[in-house]
Amino acid sequence: MPISGDKVLVSGIYRVIHPAHRRDQPKAFVVGQNFPSCRRCENCEYVLLKAAPGIAEDPDLRSGKMRRSQTLRKPRKRVSS
């Protein structure tokens, strides 16, 4: 189980476990980050709840290229009557 200071190996939603002072809470982390430490309890534990790749990990989205069907259309101008 990863602890504060370890590198995030899988992007996703993690349960943050504070040993003594706070309820568990879900937080999102991206691969390559370090798990942060808590100011009060120092070393937290992290449990992966759901893997969820970050947008930079998606080859279709990180390139900046979009299919024509994915582009946003300009809003139509309203004609007042």
N, C-alpha and C. Protein backbone atom coordinates (compact mmCIF):
# COMPACT_ATOMS: atom_id res chain seq x y z
N MET A 1 0.86 -1.18 0.00
CA MET A 1 0.00 0.00 0.00
C MET A 1 0.90 1.24 0.00
N PRO A 2 0.67 2.16 -0.94
CA PRO A 2 1.50 3.37 -0.99
C PRO A 2 1.30 4.26 0.25
N ILE A 3 2.35 4.98 0.59
CA ILE A 3 2.29 5.95 1.69
C ILE A 3 2.77 7.30 1.18
N SER A 4 2.64 8.31 2.02
CA SER A 4 3.09 9.66 1.67
C SER A 4 4.52 9.64 1.16
N GLY A 5 4.78 10.37 0.06
CA GLY A 5 6.11 10.44 -0.52
C GLY A 5 6.33 9.47 -1.66
N ASP A 6 5.55 8.37 -1.71
CA ASP A 6 5.68 7.41 -2.81
C ASP A 6 5.16 8.03 -4.11
N LYS A 7 5.66 7.55 -5.24
CA LYS A 7 5.18 8.00 -6.54
C LYS A 7 3.86 7.32 -6.87
N VAL A 8 2.98 8.05 -7.53
CA VAL A 8 1.72 7.49 -8.01
C VAL A 8 2.05 6.68 -9.26
N LEU A 9 1.73 5.39 -9.23
CA LEU A 9 2.02 4.51 -10.36
C LEU A 9 0.82 4.32 -11.28
N VAL A 10 -0.40 4.54 -10.73
CA VAL A 10 -1.63 4.39 -11.50
C VAL A 10 -2.52 5.59 -11.22
N SER A 11 -2.93 6.31 -12.27
CA SER A 11 -3.85 7.44 -12.08
C SER A 11 -5.21 6.92 -11.66
N GLY A 12 -5.87 7.67 -10.79
CA GLY A 12 -7.21 7.27 -10.39
C GLY A 12 -7.66 7.91 -9.10
N ILE A 13 -8.73 7.35 -8.56
CA ILE A 13 -9.31 7.81 -7.30
C ILE A 13 -8.78 6.91 -6.19
N TYR A 14 -8.21 7.54 -5.18
CA TYR A 14 -7.63 6.82 -4.05
C TYR A 14 -8.35 7.19 -2.76
N ARG A 15 -8.45 6.23 -1.85
CA ARG A 15 -8.91 6.51 -0.50
C ARG A 15 -7.69 6.94 0.29
N VAL A 16 -7.77 8.11 0.90
CA VAL A 16 -6.68 8.62 1.73
C VAL A 16 -7.00 8.24 3.17
N ILE A 17 -6.11 7.50 3.79
CA ILE A 17 -6.31 7.03 5.16
C ILE A 17 -5.39 7.80 6.09
N HIS A 18 -6.00 8.58 6.98
CA HIS A 18 -5.25 9.30 8.01
C HIS A 18 -5.33 8.42 9.26
N PRO A 19 -4.20 8.02 9.83
CA PRO A 19 -4.20 7.07 10.94
C PRO A 19 -5.04 7.45 12.17
N ALA A 20 -5.07 8.72 12.55
CA ALA A 20 -5.70 9.00 13.84
C ALA A 20 -6.70 10.14 13.87
N HIS A 21 -6.63 11.09 12.98
CA HIS A 21 -7.39 12.32 13.24
C HIS A 21 -8.49 12.65 12.23
N ARG A 22 -8.64 11.89 11.17
CA ARG A 22 -9.60 12.30 10.15
C ARG A 22 -10.22 11.08 9.48
N ARG A 23 -11.45 11.23 9.02
CA ARG A 23 -12.10 10.14 8.30
C ARG A 23 -11.42 9.93 6.95
N ASP A 24 -11.53 8.71 6.42
CA ASP A 24 -11.01 8.42 5.09
C ASP A 24 -11.72 9.31 4.08
N GLN A 25 -11.01 9.67 3.01
CA GLN A 25 -11.60 10.54 2.00
C GLN A 25 -11.08 10.17 0.62
N PRO A 26 -11.92 10.26 -0.41
CA PRO A 26 -11.45 9.97 -1.77
C PRO A 26 -10.80 11.20 -2.41
N LYS A 27 -9.70 10.98 -3.11
CA LYS A 27 -9.00 12.06 -3.82
C LYS A 27 -8.45 11.50 -5.12
N ALA A 28 -8.31 12.36 -6.13
CA ALA A 28 -7.77 11.95 -7.42
C ALA A 28 -6.28 12.27 -7.50
N PHE A 29 -5.51 11.33 -8.04
CA PHE A 29 -4.08 11.51 -8.24
C PHE A 29 -3.70 11.04 -9.64
N VAL A 30 -2.70 11.69 -10.23
CA VAL A 30 -2.25 11.39 -11.58
C VAL A 30 -0.88 10.74 -11.53
N VAL A 31 -0.66 9.76 -12.40
CA VAL A 31 0.60 9.04 -12.45
C VAL A 31 1.78 10.02 -12.54
N GLY A 32 2.83 9.72 -11.79
CA GLY A 32 4.02 10.57 -11.77
C GLY A 32 4.07 11.55 -10.62
N GLN A 33 2.92 11.86 -10.02
CA GLN A 33 2.91 12.73 -8.84
C GLN A 33 3.45 11.95 -7.66
N ASN A 34 3.78 12.66 -6.58
CA ASN A 34 4.07 12.01 -5.31
C ASN A 34 2.84 12.14 -4.43
N PHE A 35 2.54 11.08 -3.67
CA PHE A 35 1.46 11.17 -2.70
C PHE A 35 1.88 12.16 -1.62
N PRO A 36 1.02 13.13 -1.29
CA PRO A 36 1.40 14.15 -0.31
C PRO A 36 1.36 13.63 1.12
N SER A 37 2.05 14.35 1.99
CA SER A 37 1.99 14.03 3.41
C SER A 37 1.00 14.97 4.08
N CYS A 38 0.48 14.54 5.20
CA CYS A 38 -0.48 15.33 5.98
C CYS A 38 0.30 16.15 7.01
N ARG A 39 -0.13 17.38 7.23
CA ARG A 39 0.55 18.25 8.21
C ARG A 39 0.41 17.73 9.63
N ARG A 40 -0.67 16.99 9.89
CA ARG A 40 -0.89 16.53 11.27
C ARG A 40 -0.36 15.13 11.54
N CYS A 41 -0.61 14.20 10.62
CA CYS A 41 -0.21 12.81 10.90
C CYS A 41 0.98 12.36 10.07
N GLU A 42 1.51 13.23 9.21
CA GLU A 42 2.68 12.97 8.38
C GLU A 42 2.47 11.88 7.34
N ASN A 43 2.42 10.62 7.74
CA ASN A 43 2.31 9.54 6.78
C ASN A 43 0.89 9.02 6.65
N CYS A 44 0.30 9.27 5.49
CA CYS A 44 -1.02 8.73 5.16
C CYS A 44 -0.81 7.49 4.31
N GLU A 45 -1.84 6.66 4.25
CA GLU A 45 -1.83 5.52 3.36
C GLU A 45 -2.83 5.78 2.25
N TYR A 46 -2.60 5.18 1.08
CA TYR A 46 -3.44 5.42 -0.09
C TYR A 46 -3.87 4.09 -0.68
N VAL A 47 -5.18 3.94 -0.91
CA VAL A 47 -5.74 2.72 -1.49
C VAL A 47 -6.45 3.09 -2.78
N LEU A 48 -6.06 2.45 -3.88
CA LEU A 48 -6.68 2.72 -5.18
C LEU A 48 -8.11 2.19 -5.17
N LEU A 49 -9.07 3.09 -5.38
CA LEU A 49 -10.48 2.70 -5.45
C LEU A 49 -10.90 2.43 -6.89
N LYS A 50 -10.45 3.29 -7.81
CA LYS A 50 -10.81 3.14 -9.22
C LYS A 50 -9.72 3.76 -10.09
N ALA A 51 -9.19 2.95 -10.98
CA ALA A 51 -8.20 3.47 -11.93
C ALA A 51 -8.92 4.36 -12.93
N ALA A 52 -8.35 5.51 -13.20
CA ALA A 52 -8.94 6.47 -14.14
C ALA A 52 -7.80 7.24 -14.79
N PRO A 53 -7.43 6.87 -16.01
CA PRO A 53 -6.31 7.54 -16.66
C PRO A 53 -6.53 9.04 -16.79
N GLY A 54 -5.48 9.81 -16.58
CA GLY A 54 -5.56 11.26 -16.75
C GLY A 54 -5.67 11.60 -18.23
N ILE A 55 -6.11 12.79 -18.53
CA ILE A 55 -6.31 13.20 -19.92
C ILE A 55 -5.00 13.14 -20.71
N ALA A 56 -3.88 13.40 -20.07
CA ALA A 56 -2.58 13.36 -20.75
C ALA A 56 -2.17 11.93 -21.09
N GLU A 57 -2.83 10.94 -20.48
CA GLU A 57 -2.52 9.54 -20.75
C GLU A 57 -3.36 8.97 -21.90
N ASP A 58 -4.33 9.73 -22.39
CA ASP A 58 -5.20 9.28 -23.47
C ASP A 58 -4.59 9.73 -24.80
N PRO A 59 -4.17 8.79 -25.64
CA PRO A 59 -3.50 9.18 -26.88
C PRO A 59 -4.38 9.99 -27.83
N ASP A 60 -5.69 9.79 -27.78
CA ASP A 60 -6.59 10.56 -28.65
C ASP A 60 -6.74 12.01 -28.19
N LEU A 61 -6.61 12.25 -26.90
CA LEU A 61 -6.85 13.59 -26.38
C LEU A 61 -5.58 14.40 -26.19
N ARG A 62 -4.47 13.76 -25.91
CA ARG A 62 -3.26 14.51 -25.62
C ARG A 62 -2.64 15.14 -26.85
N SER A 63 -2.97 14.63 -28.04
CA SER A 63 -2.36 15.16 -29.26
C SER A 63 -2.92 16.51 -29.65
N GLY A 64 -4.10 16.84 -29.13
CA GLY A 64 -4.74 18.10 -29.48
C GLY A 64 -5.55 17.99 -30.75
N LYS A 65 -5.48 16.85 -31.43
CA LYS A 65 -6.25 16.67 -32.66
C LYS A 65 -7.64 16.17 -32.31
N MET A 66 -8.63 16.73 -32.95
CA MET A 66 -10.01 16.31 -32.74
C MET A 66 -10.64 16.00 -34.10
N ARG A 67 -11.53 15.04 -34.11
CA ARG A 67 -12.28 14.79 -35.33
C ARG A 67 -13.24 15.94 -35.54
N ARG A 68 -13.62 16.15 -36.76
CA ARG A 68 -14.52 17.25 -37.10
C ARG A 68 -15.83 17.17 -36.30
N SER A 69 -16.32 15.97 -36.07
CA SER A 69 -17.57 15.80 -35.33
C SER A 69 -17.44 16.18 -33.86
N GLN A 70 -16.21 16.28 -33.35
CA GLN A 70 -15.99 16.62 -31.95
C GLN A 70 -15.80 18.11 -31.72
N THR A 71 -15.64 18.88 -32.79
CA THR A 71 -15.40 20.31 -32.60
C THR A 71 -16.67 21.02 -32.18
N LEU A 72 -16.50 22.08 -31.44
CA LEU A 72 -17.66 22.85 -30.96
C LEU A 72 -18.19 23.74 -32.08
N ARG A 73 -19.48 23.81 -32.15
CA ARG A 73 -20.10 24.70 -33.13
C ARG A 73 -20.32 26.06 -32.51
N LYS A 74 -20.27 27.07 -33.36
CA LYS A 74 -20.53 28.43 -32.87
C LYS A 74 -22.03 28.55 -32.60
N PRO A 75 -22.40 29.24 -31.53
CA PRO A 75 -23.83 29.42 -31.24
C PRO A 75 -24.47 30.30 -32.31
N ARG A 76 -25.71 29.97 -32.60
CA ARG A 76 -26.44 30.78 -33.58
C ARG A 76 -26.83 32.12 -32.98
N LYS A 77 -26.83 33.14 -33.83
CA LYS A 77 -27.27 34.46 -33.38
C LYS A 77 -28.78 34.48 -33.34
N ARG A 78 -29.29 35.07 -32.29
CA ARG A 78 -30.74 35.18 -32.15
C ARG A 78 -31.24 36.40 -32.95
N VAL A 79 -32.34 36.22 -33.60
CA VAL A 79 -32.94 37.31 -34.35
C VAL A 79 -34.12 37.80 -33.51
N SER A 80 -34.07 39.07 -33.15
CA SER A 80 -35.17 39.62 -32.35
C SER A 80 -36.35 39.93 -33.26
N SER A 81 -37.55 39.72 -32.74
CA SER A 81 -38.74 39.97 -33.57
C SER A 81 -39.40 41.28 -33.23
